[in-house]
PDB file of all heavy atoms in Angstrom:
ATOM      1  N   ALA A   1     111.257 121.819 204.846  1.00  0.00           N
ATOM      2  CA  ALA A   1     109.879 121.408 204.594  1.00  0.00           C
ATOM      3  C   ALA A   1     108.991 121.674 205.860  1.00  0.00           C
ATOM      4  O   ALA A   1     109.392 121.480 206.984  1.00  0.00           O
ATOM      5  CB  ALA A   1     109.841 119.943 204.345  1.00  0.00           C
ATOM      6  N   ILE A   2     107.823 122.132 205.584  1.00  0.00           N
ATOM      7  CA  ILE A   2     106.857 122.517 206.609  1.00  0.00           C
ATOM      8  C   ILE A   2     106.002 121.433 206.955  1.00  0.00           C
ATOM      9  O   ILE A   2     105.283 120.744 205.988  1.00  0.00           O
ATOM     10  CB  ILE A   2     106.093 123.780 206.240  1.00  0.00           C
ATOM     11  CG1 ILE A   2     106.979 125.019 205.883  1.00  0.00           C
ATOM     12  CG2 ILE A   2     105.088 124.137 207.270  1.00  0.00           C
ATOM     13  CD1 ILE A   2     106.398 126.081 205.266  1.00  0.00           C
ATOM     14  N   THR A   3     105.733 121.090 208.139  1.00  0.00           N
ATOM     15  CA  THR A   3     104.796 119.988 208.495  1.00  0.00           C
ATOM     16  C   THR A   3     103.796 120.440 209.510  1.00  0.00           C
ATOM     17  O   THR A   3     104.011 121.253 210.338  1.00  0.00           O
ATOM     18  CB  THR A   3     105.491 118.804 209.155  1.00  0.00           C
ATOM     19  OG1 THR A   3     106.367 119.315 210.344  1.00  0.00           O
ATOM     20  CG2 THR A   3     106.626 118.144 208.242  1.00  0.00           C
ATOM     21  N   LEU A   4     102.615 119.840 209.435  1.00  0.00           N
ATOM     22  CA  LEU A   4     101.453 120.178 210.300  1.00  0.00           C
ATOM     23  C   LEU A   4     100.958 118.869 210.797  1.00  0.00           C
ATOM     24  O   LEU A   4     100.823 117.875 210.134  1.00  0.00           O
ATOM     25  CB  LEU A   4     100.403 121.007 209.572  1.00  0.00           C
ATOM     26  CG  LEU A   4     100.740 122.285 208.961  1.00  0.00           C
ATOM     27  CD1 LEU A   4     101.156 122.209 207.408  1.00  0.00           C
ATOM     28  CD2 LEU A   4      99.501 123.235 209.034  1.00  0.00           C
ATOM     29  N   ASN A   5     100.514 118.895 212.012  1.00  0.00           N
ATOM     30  CA  ASN A   5      99.914 117.702 212.705  1.00  0.00           C
ATOM     31  C   ASN A   5      98.530 118.164 213.143  1.00  0.00           C
ATOM     32  O   ASN A   5      98.254 119.292 213.611  1.00  0.00           O
ATOM     33  CB  ASN A   5     100.785 117.423 213.946  1.00  0.00           C
ATOM     34  CG  ASN A   5     102.151 116.871 213.546  1.00  0.00           C
ATOM     35  OD1 ASN A   5     102.351 116.109 212.699  1.00  0.00           O
ATOM     36  ND2 ASN A   5     103.068 117.524 214.294  1.00  0.00           N
ATOM     37  N   ALA A   6      97.550 117.374 213.025  1.00  0.00           N
ATOM     38  CA  ALA A   6      96.208 117.626 213.383  1.00  0.00           C
ATOM     39  C   ALA A   6      95.800 116.363 214.390  1.00  0.00           C
ATOM     40  O   ALA A   6      96.254 115.146 214.228  1.00  0.00           O
ATOM     41  CB  ALA A   6      95.309 117.712 212.274  1.00  0.00           C
ATOM     42  N   TYR A   7      94.892 116.722 215.260  1.00  0.00           N
ATOM     43  CA  TYR A   7      94.326 115.803 216.225  1.00  0.00           C
ATOM     44  C   TYR A   7      92.874 115.844 216.346  1.00  0.00           C
ATOM     45  O   TYR A   7      92.292 117.031 216.430  1.00  0.00           O
ATOM     46  CB  TYR A   7      95.041 115.971 217.594  1.00  0.00           C
ATOM     47  CG  TYR A   7      96.524 115.931 217.574  1.00  0.00           C
ATOM     48  CD1 TYR A   7      97.206 117.198 217.447  1.00  0.00           C
ATOM     49  CD2 TYR A   7      97.276 114.773 217.693  1.00  0.00           C
ATOM     50  CE1 TYR A   7      98.595 117.157 217.309  1.00  0.00           C
ATOM     51  CE2 TYR A   7      98.599 114.849 217.567  1.00  0.00           C
ATOM     52  CZ  TYR A   7      99.176 115.909 217.403  1.00  0.00           C
ATOM     53  OH  TYR A   7     100.681 115.975 217.316  1.00  0.00           O
ATOM     54  N   LEU A   8      92.201 114.795 216.422  1.00  0.00           N
ATOM     55  CA  LEU A   8      90.644 114.755 216.734  1.00  0.00           C
ATOM     56  C   LEU A   8      90.386 113.897 217.870  1.00  0.00           C
ATOM     57  O   LEU A   8      90.894 112.719 218.057  1.00  0.00           O
ATOM     58  CB  LEU A   8      89.963 114.198 215.469  1.00  0.00           C
ATOM     59  CG  LEU A   8      88.545 114.004 215.557  1.00  0.00           C
ATOM     60  CD1 LEU A   8      87.717 115.404 215.705  1.00  0.00           C
ATOM     61  CD2 LEU A   8      87.940 113.393 214.304  1.00  0.00           C
ATOM     62  N   LEU A   9      89.660 114.424 218.859  1.00  0.00           N
ATOM     63  CA  LEU A   9      89.253 113.660 220.072  1.00  0.00           C
ATOM     64  C   LEU A   9      87.751 113.332 219.999  1.00  0.00           C
ATOM     65  O   LEU A   9      86.861 114.073 219.671  1.00  0.00           O
ATOM     66  CB  LEU A   9      89.555 114.511 221.228  1.00  0.00           C
ATOM     67  CG  LEU A   9      90.972 115.059 221.518  1.00  0.00           C
ATOM     68  CD1 LEU A   9      91.104 115.850 222.756  1.00  0.00           C
ATOM     69  CD2 LEU A   9      91.909 113.887 221.549  1.00  0.00           C
ATOM     70  N   ASN A  10      87.500 112.009 220.531  1.00  0.00           N
ATOM     71  CA  ASN A  10      86.053 111.636 220.498  1.00  0.00           C
ATOM     72  C   ASN A  10      85.561 112.073 221.933  1.00  0.00           C
ATOM     73  O   ASN A  10      86.168 112.846 222.693  1.00  0.00           O
ATOM     74  CB  ASN A  10      86.028 110.055 220.397  1.00  0.00           C
ATOM     75  CG  ASN A  10      86.712 109.340 221.340  1.00  0.00           C
ATOM     76  OD1 ASN A  10      87.178 109.875 222.396  1.00  0.00           O
ATOM     77  ND2 ASN A  10      86.992 108.017 221.195  1.00  0.00           N
ATOM     78  N   ALA A  11      84.318 111.575 222.201  1.00  0.00           N
ATOM     79  CA  ALA A  11      83.636 112.016 223.461  1.00  0.00           C
ATOM     80  C   ALA A  11      84.480 111.637 224.715  1.00  0.00           C
ATOM     81  O   ALA A  11      84.297 112.252 225.772  1.00  0.00           O
ATOM     82  CB  ALA A  11      82.229 111.423 223.447  1.00  0.00           C
ATOM     83  N   ASN A  12      85.292 110.565 224.608  1.00  0.00           N
ATOM     84  CA  ASN A  12      86.034 110.081 225.772  1.00  0.00           C
ATOM     85  C   ASN A  12      87.510 110.621 225.773  1.00  0.00           C
ATOM     86  O   ASN A  12      88.383 110.098 226.448  1.00  0.00           O
ATOM     87  CB  ASN A  12      86.120 108.569 225.787  1.00  0.00           C
ATOM     88  CG  ASN A  12      84.849 107.933 226.058  1.00  0.00           C
ATOM     89  OD1 ASN A  12      83.988 108.505 226.798  1.00  0.00           O
ATOM     90  ND2 ASN A  12      84.653 106.816 225.424  1.00  0.00           N
ATOM     91  N   ASN A  13      87.642 111.790 224.948  1.00  0.00           N
ATOM     92  CA  ASN A  13      89.000 112.492 224.840  1.00  0.00           C
ATOM     93  C   ASN A  13      90.056 111.384 224.306  1.00  0.00           C
ATOM     94  O   ASN A  13      91.263 111.520 224.720  1.00  0.00           O
ATOM     95  CB  ASN A  13      89.462 112.992 226.113  1.00  0.00           C
ATOM     96  CG  ASN A  13      88.697 114.311 226.481  1.00  0.00           C
ATOM     97  OD1 ASN A  13      88.286 114.994 225.589  1.00  0.00           O
ATOM     98  ND2 ASN A  13      88.496 114.595 227.687  1.00  0.00           N
ATOM     99  N   GLU A  14      89.695 110.434 223.481  1.00  0.00           N
ATOM    100  CA  GLU A  14      90.627 109.584 222.818  1.00  0.00           C
ATOM    101  C   GLU A  14      90.808 110.068 221.323  1.00  0.00           C
ATOM    102  O   GLU A  14      89.939 110.495 220.675  1.00  0.00           O
ATOM    103  CB  GLU A  14      90.123 108.126 222.780  1.00  0.00           C
ATOM    104  CG  GLU A  14      89.795 107.626 224.196  1.00  0.00           C
ATOM    105  CD  GLU A  14      89.118 106.258 224.166  1.00  0.00           C
ATOM    106  OE1 GLU A  14      88.324 106.017 223.230  1.00  0.00           O
ATOM    107  OE2 GLU A  14      89.381 105.468 225.114  1.00  0.00           O
ATOM    108  N   GLN A  15      92.038 109.875 220.921  1.00  0.00           N
ATOM    109  CA  GLN A  15      92.414 110.341 219.569  1.00  0.00           C
ATOM    110  C   GLN A  15      91.865 109.362 218.537  1.00  0.00           C
ATOM    111  O   GLN A  15      92.050 108.148 218.753  1.00  0.00           O
ATOM    112  CB  GLN A  15      93.977 110.499 219.388  1.00  0.00           C
ATOM    113  CG  GLN A  15      94.499 111.704 220.021  1.00  0.00           C
ATOM    114  CD  GLN A  15      95.901 111.906 219.600  1.00  0.00           C
ATOM    115  OE1 GLN A  15      96.456 111.168 218.751  1.00  0.00           O
ATOM    116  NE2 GLN A  15      96.680 112.800 220.277  1.00  0.00           N
ATOM    117  N   VAL A  16      91.248 109.911 217.534  1.00  0.00           N
ATOM    118  CA  VAL A  16      90.665 109.142 216.485  1.00  0.00           C
ATOM    119  C   VAL A  16      90.951 109.827 215.081  1.00  0.00           C
ATOM    120  O   VAL A  16      91.168 110.996 215.056  1.00  0.00           O
ATOM    121  CB  VAL A  16      89.166 108.875 216.560  1.00  0.00           C
ATOM    122  CG1 VAL A  16      88.903 108.046 217.787  1.00  0.00           C
ATOM    123  CG2 VAL A  16      88.371 110.191 216.689  1.00  0.00           C
ATOM    124  N   ASN A  17      91.067 109.038 214.003  1.00  0.00           N
ATOM    125  CA  ASN A  17      91.216 109.741 212.707  1.00  0.00           C
ATOM    126  C   ASN A  17      90.475 108.964 211.680  1.00  0.00           C
ATOM    127  O   ASN A  17      90.904 108.723 210.548  1.00  0.00           O
ATOM    128  CB  ASN A  17      92.767 109.766 212.272  1.00  0.00           C
ATOM    129  CG  ASN A  17      93.328 108.394 212.241  1.00  0.00           C
ATOM    130  OD1 ASN A  17      92.667 107.297 212.563  1.00  0.00           O
ATOM    131  ND2 ASN A  17      94.680 108.323 212.038  1.00  0.00           N
ATOM    132  N   THR A  18      89.218 108.690 212.025  1.00  0.00           N
ATOM    133  CA  THR A  18      88.242 108.023 211.082  1.00  0.00           C
ATOM    134  C   THR A  18      87.910 108.852 209.905  1.00  0.00           C
ATOM    135  O   THR A  18      88.082 108.482 208.752  1.00  0.00           O
ATOM    136  CB  THR A  18      87.000 107.477 211.829  1.00  0.00           C
ATOM    137  OG1 THR A  18      87.458 106.653 212.977  1.00  0.00           O
ATOM    138  CG2 THR A  18      86.275 106.569 210.817  1.00  0.00           C
ATOM    139  N   PRO A  19      87.403 110.063 210.137  1.00  0.00           N
ATOM    140  CA  PRO A  19      86.994 110.860 209.039  1.00  0.00           C
ATOM    141  C   PRO A  19      88.175 111.503 208.392  1.00  0.00           C
ATOM    142  O   PRO A  19      89.342 111.602 208.960  1.00  0.00           O
ATOM    143  CB  PRO A  19      86.052 111.956 209.723  1.00  0.00           C
ATOM    144  CG  PRO A  19      86.662 112.097 211.167  1.00  0.00           C
ATOM    145  CD  PRO A  19      87.039 110.747 211.488  1.00  0.00           C
ATOM    146  N   ASP A  20      87.957 112.076 207.166  1.00  0.00           N
ATOM    147  CA  ASP A  20      89.051 112.779 206.419  1.00  0.00           C
ATOM    148  C   ASP A  20      89.067 114.273 206.918  1.00  0.00           C
ATOM    149  O   ASP A  20      88.026 114.896 207.259  1.00  0.00           O
ATOM    150  CB  ASP A  20      88.677 112.787 204.890  1.00  0.00           C
ATOM    151  CG  ASP A  20      88.626 111.401 204.349  1.00  0.00           C
ATOM    152  OD1 ASP A  20      89.405 110.509 204.875  1.00  0.00           O
ATOM    153  OD2 ASP A  20      87.969 111.046 203.303  1.00  0.00           O
ATOM    154  N   ALA A  21      90.230 114.703 206.865  1.00  0.00           N
ATOM    155  CA  ALA A  21      90.600 116.092 207.323  1.00  0.00           C
ATOM    156  C   ALA A  21      91.107 116.865 206.195  1.00  0.00           C
ATOM    157  O   ALA A  21      92.063 116.391 205.595  1.00  0.00           O
ATOM    158  CB  ALA A  21      91.416 116.143 208.604  1.00  0.00           C
ATOM    159  N   GLN A  22      90.577 118.001 205.879  1.00  0.00           N
ATOM    160  CA  GLN A  22      91.100 118.849 204.866  1.00  0.00           C
ATOM    161  C   GLN A  22      91.540 120.271 205.272  1.00  0.00           C
ATOM    162  O   GLN A  22      91.227 120.637 206.495  1.00  0.00           O
ATOM    163  CB  GLN A  22      89.988 119.196 203.782  1.00  0.00           C
ATOM    164  CG  GLN A  22      89.633 118.112 202.893  1.00  0.00           C
ATOM    165  CD  GLN A  22      88.647 117.028 203.607  1.00  0.00           C
ATOM    166  OE1 GLN A  22      87.874 117.345 204.394  1.00  0.00           O
ATOM    167  NE2 GLN A  22      88.883 115.790 203.181  1.00  0.00           N
ATOM    168  N   ILE A  23      92.488 120.841 204.489  1.00  0.00           N
ATOM    169  CA  ILE A  23      93.003 122.119 204.978  1.00  0.00           C
ATOM    170  C   ILE A  23      93.315 123.001 203.808  1.00  0.00           C
ATOM    171  O   ILE A  23      93.505 122.497 202.710  1.00  0.00           O
ATOM    172  CB  ILE A  23      94.383 121.958 205.829  1.00  0.00           C
ATOM    173  CG1 ILE A  23      94.830 123.256 206.392  1.00  0.00           C
ATOM    174  CG2 ILE A  23      95.402 121.339 204.847  1.00  0.00           C
ATOM    175  CD1 ILE A  23      96.062 123.033 207.397  1.00  0.00           C
ATOM    176  N   THR A  24      93.105 124.254 203.984  1.00  0.00           N
ATOM    177  CA  THR A  24      93.285 125.341 202.921  1.00  0.00           C
ATOM    178  C   THR A  24      94.468 126.162 203.351  1.00  0.00           C
ATOM    179  O   THR A  24      94.414 126.829 204.425  1.00  0.00           O
ATOM    180  CB  THR A  24      92.053 126.058 202.577  1.00  0.00           C
ATOM    181  OG1 THR A  24      90.980 125.243 202.150  1.00  0.00           O
ATOM    182  CG2 THR A  24      92.360 127.133 201.460  1.00  0.00           C
ATOM    183  N   ILE A  25      95.501 126.189 202.512  1.00  0.00           N
ATOM    184  CA  ILE A  25      96.740 127.257 202.801  1.00  0.00           C
ATOM    185  C   ILE A  25      96.565 128.448 201.831  1.00  0.00           C
ATOM    186  O   ILE A  25      96.379 128.205 200.633  1.00  0.00           O
ATOM    187  CB  ILE A  25      97.945 126.492 202.593  1.00  0.00           C
ATOM    188  CG1 ILE A  25      98.015 125.173 203.360  1.00  0.00           C
ATOM    189  CG2 ILE A  25      99.174 127.286 202.902  1.00  0.00           C
ATOM    190  CD1 ILE A  25      98.031 125.275 204.688  1.00  0.00           C
ATOM    191  N   THR A  26      96.624 129.547 202.561  1.00  0.00           N
ATOM    192  CA  THR A  26      96.569 130.795 201.750  1.00  0.00           C
ATOM    193  C   THR A  26      97.822 131.600 201.988  1.00  0.00           C
ATOM    194  O   THR A  26      98.344 131.757 203.165  1.00  0.00           O
ATOM    195  CB  THR A  26      95.434 131.731 202.323  1.00  0.00           C
ATOM    196  OG1 THR A  26      94.263 130.922 202.237  1.00  0.00           O
ATOM    197  CG2 THR A  26      95.191 132.970 201.392  1.00  0.00           C
ATOM    198  N   ASP A  27      98.563 132.035 200.894  1.00  0.00           N
ATOM    199  CA  ASP A  27      99.849 132.741 200.944  1.00  0.00           C
ATOM    200  C   ASP A  27      99.584 134.228 201.065  1.00  0.00           C
ATOM    201  O   ASP A  27      98.436 134.647 201.118  1.00  0.00           O
ATOM    202  CB  ASP A  27     100.688 132.432 199.756  1.00  0.00           C
ATOM    203  CG  ASP A  27     100.089 132.808 198.398  1.00  0.00           C
ATOM    204  OD1 ASP A  27      99.206 133.626 198.411  1.00  0.00           O
ATOM    205  OD2 ASP A  27     100.576 132.323 197.379  1.00  0.00           O
ATOM    206  N   SER A  28     100.638 134.978 201.112  1.00  0.00           N
ATOM    207  CA  SER A  28     100.533 136.487 201.252  1.00  0.00           C
ATOM    208  C   SER A  28      99.860 137.213 200.184  1.00  0.00           C
ATOM    209  O   SER A  28      99.154 138.185 200.356  1.00  0.00           O
ATOM    210  CB  SER A  28     102.002 137.014 201.354  1.00  0.00           C
ATOM    211  OG  SER A  28     102.657 136.469 202.410  1.00  0.00           O
ATOM    212  N   ALA A  29      99.858 136.553 198.907  1.00  0.00           N
ATOM    213  CA  ALA A  29      99.216 137.074 197.800  1.00  0.00           C
ATOM    214  C   ALA A  29      97.737 136.822 197.631  1.00  0.00           C
ATOM    215  O   ALA A  29      96.958 137.273 196.781  1.00  0.00           O
ATOM    216  CB  ALA A  29      99.906 136.785 196.499  1.00  0.00           C
ATOM    217  N   GLY A  30      97.210 136.042 198.695  1.00  0.00           N
ATOM    218  CA  GLY A  30      95.809 135.517 198.608  1.00  0.00           C
ATOM    219  C   GLY A  30      95.565 134.186 197.758  1.00  0.00           C
ATOM    220  O   GLY A  30      94.427 133.838 197.705  1.00  0.00           O
ATOM    221  N   ASN A  31      96.556 133.693 197.309  1.00  0.00           N
ATOM    222  CA  ASN A  31      96.439 132.383 196.624  1.00  0.00           C
ATOM    223  C   ASN A  31      96.210 131.245 197.447  1.00  0.00           C
ATOM    224  O   ASN A  31      96.869 131.080 198.528  1.00  0.00           O
ATOM    225  CB  ASN A  31      97.799 132.088 195.722  1.00  0.00           C
ATOM    226  CG  ASN A  31      97.921 133.175 194.726  1.00  0.00           C
ATOM    227  OD1 ASN A  31      97.082 133.759 194.062  1.00  0.00           O
ATOM    228  ND2 ASN A  31      99.295 133.577 194.600  1.00  0.00           N
ATOM    229  N   LYS A  32      95.205 130.380 197.189  1.00  0.00           N
ATOM    230  CA  LYS A  32      94.726 129.227 198.023  1.00  0.00           C
ATOM    231  C   LYS A  32      95.113 127.984 197.354  1.00  0.00           C
ATOM    232  O   LYS A  32      94.936 127.744 196.184  1.00  0.00           O
ATOM    233  CB  LYS A  32      93.288 129.366 198.318  1.00  0.00           C
ATOM    234  CG  LYS A  32      92.893 130.677 199.122  1.00  0.00           C
ATOM    235  CD  LYS A  32      91.405 130.693 199.379  1.00  0.00           C
ATOM    236  CE  LYS A  32      90.997 131.861 200.205  1.00  0.00           C
ATOM    237  NZ  LYS A  32      89.527 131.890 200.529  1.00  0.00           N
ATOM    238  N   GLN A  33      95.436 126.947 198.286  1.00  0.00           N
ATOM    239  CA  GLN A  33      95.703 125.611 197.927  1.00  0.00           C
ATOM    240  C   GLN A  33      95.058 124.675 198.904  1.00  0.00           C
ATOM    241  O   GLN A  33      95.078 124.943 200.089  1.00  0.00           O
ATOM    242  CB  GLN A  33      97.161 125.284 197.895  1.00  0.00           C
ATOM    243  CG  GLN A  33      97.842 125.973 196.642  1.00  0.00           C
ATOM    244  CD  GLN A  33      99.332 125.472 196.527  1.00  0.00           C
ATOM    245  OE1 GLN A  33     100.224 125.921 197.482  1.00  0.00           O
ATOM    246  NE2 GLN A  33      99.646 124.644 195.605  1.00  0.00           N
ATOM    247  N   ASN A  34      94.354 123.759 198.297  1.00  0.00           N
ATOM    248  CA  ASN A  34      93.645 122.648 199.255  1.00  0.00           C
ATOM    249  C   ASN A  34      94.372 121.363 199.368  1.00  0.00           C
ATOM    250  O   ASN A  34      94.979 120.925 198.320  1.00  0.00           O
ATOM    251  CB  ASN A  34      92.218 122.404 198.658  1.00  0.00           C
ATOM    252  CG  ASN A  34      91.443 123.640 198.623  1.00  0.00           C
ATOM    253  OD1 ASN A  34      91.347 124.449 199.515  1.00  0.00           O
ATOM    254  ND2 ASN A  34      90.598 123.901 197.425  1.00  0.00           N
ATOM    255  N   PHE A  35      94.437 120.904 200.564  1.00  0.00           N
ATOM    256  CA  PHE A  35      95.188 119.624 200.777  1.00  0.00           C
ATOM    257  C   PHE A  35      94.327 118.768 201.740  1.00  0.00           C
ATOM    258  O   PHE A  35      93.471 119.232 202.297  1.00  0.00           O
ATOM    259  CB  PHE A  35      96.503 119.822 201.533  1.00  0.00           C
ATOM    260  CG  PHE A  35      97.515 120.797 200.792  1.00  0.00           C
ATOM    261  CD1 PHE A  35      97.536 122.094 200.875  1.00  0.00           C
ATOM    262  CD2 PHE A  35      98.393 120.205 199.870  1.00  0.00           C
ATOM    263  CE1 PHE A  35      98.332 122.967 200.251  1.00  0.00           C
ATOM    264  CE2 PHE A  35      99.249 120.988 199.085  1.00  0.00           C
ATOM    265  CZ  PHE A  35      99.150 122.305 199.264  1.00  0.00           C
ATOM    266  N   SER A  36      94.696 117.377 201.683  1.00  0.00           N
ATOM    267  CA  SER A  36      94.054 116.535 202.584  1.00  0.00           C
ATOM    268  C   SER A  36      95.159 115.930 203.496  1.00  0.00           C
ATOM    269  O   SER A  36      96.252 115.629 203.030  1.00  0.00           O
ATOM    270  CB  SER A  36      93.428 115.341 201.807  1.00  0.00           C
ATOM    271  OG  SER A  36      92.300 115.775 201.053  1.00  0.00           O
ATOM    272  N   PHE A  37      94.870 115.847 204.809  1.00  0.00           N
ATOM    273  CA  PHE A  37      95.723 115.313 205.709  1.00  0.00           C
ATOM    274  C   PHE A  37      95.893 113.793 205.503  1.00  0.00           C
ATOM    275  O   PHE A  37      95.051 113.061 205.155  1.00  0.00           O
ATOM    276  CB  PHE A  37      95.239 115.455 207.261  1.00  0.00           C
ATOM    277  CG  PHE A  37      95.543 116.892 207.733  1.00  0.00           C
ATOM    278  CD1 PHE A  37      94.649 117.840 207.601  1.00  0.00           C
ATOM    279  CD2 PHE A  37      96.852 117.230 208.271  1.00  0.00           C
ATOM    280  CE1 PHE A  37      94.849 119.145 208.133  1.00  0.00           C
ATOM    281  CE2 PHE A  37      97.061 118.463 208.758  1.00  0.00           C
ATOM    282  CZ  PHE A  37      96.168 119.529 208.704  1.00  0.00           C
TER     283      PHE A  37
END
């Protein structure tokens, strides 16, 4: 299983995850899938 981690820093370089984060995965054939972290 493939896992991805994402990090968001505020102005003080502190990690926060208040907003939603989205990602689009594209395979070799150009097919796209949308996910939410």
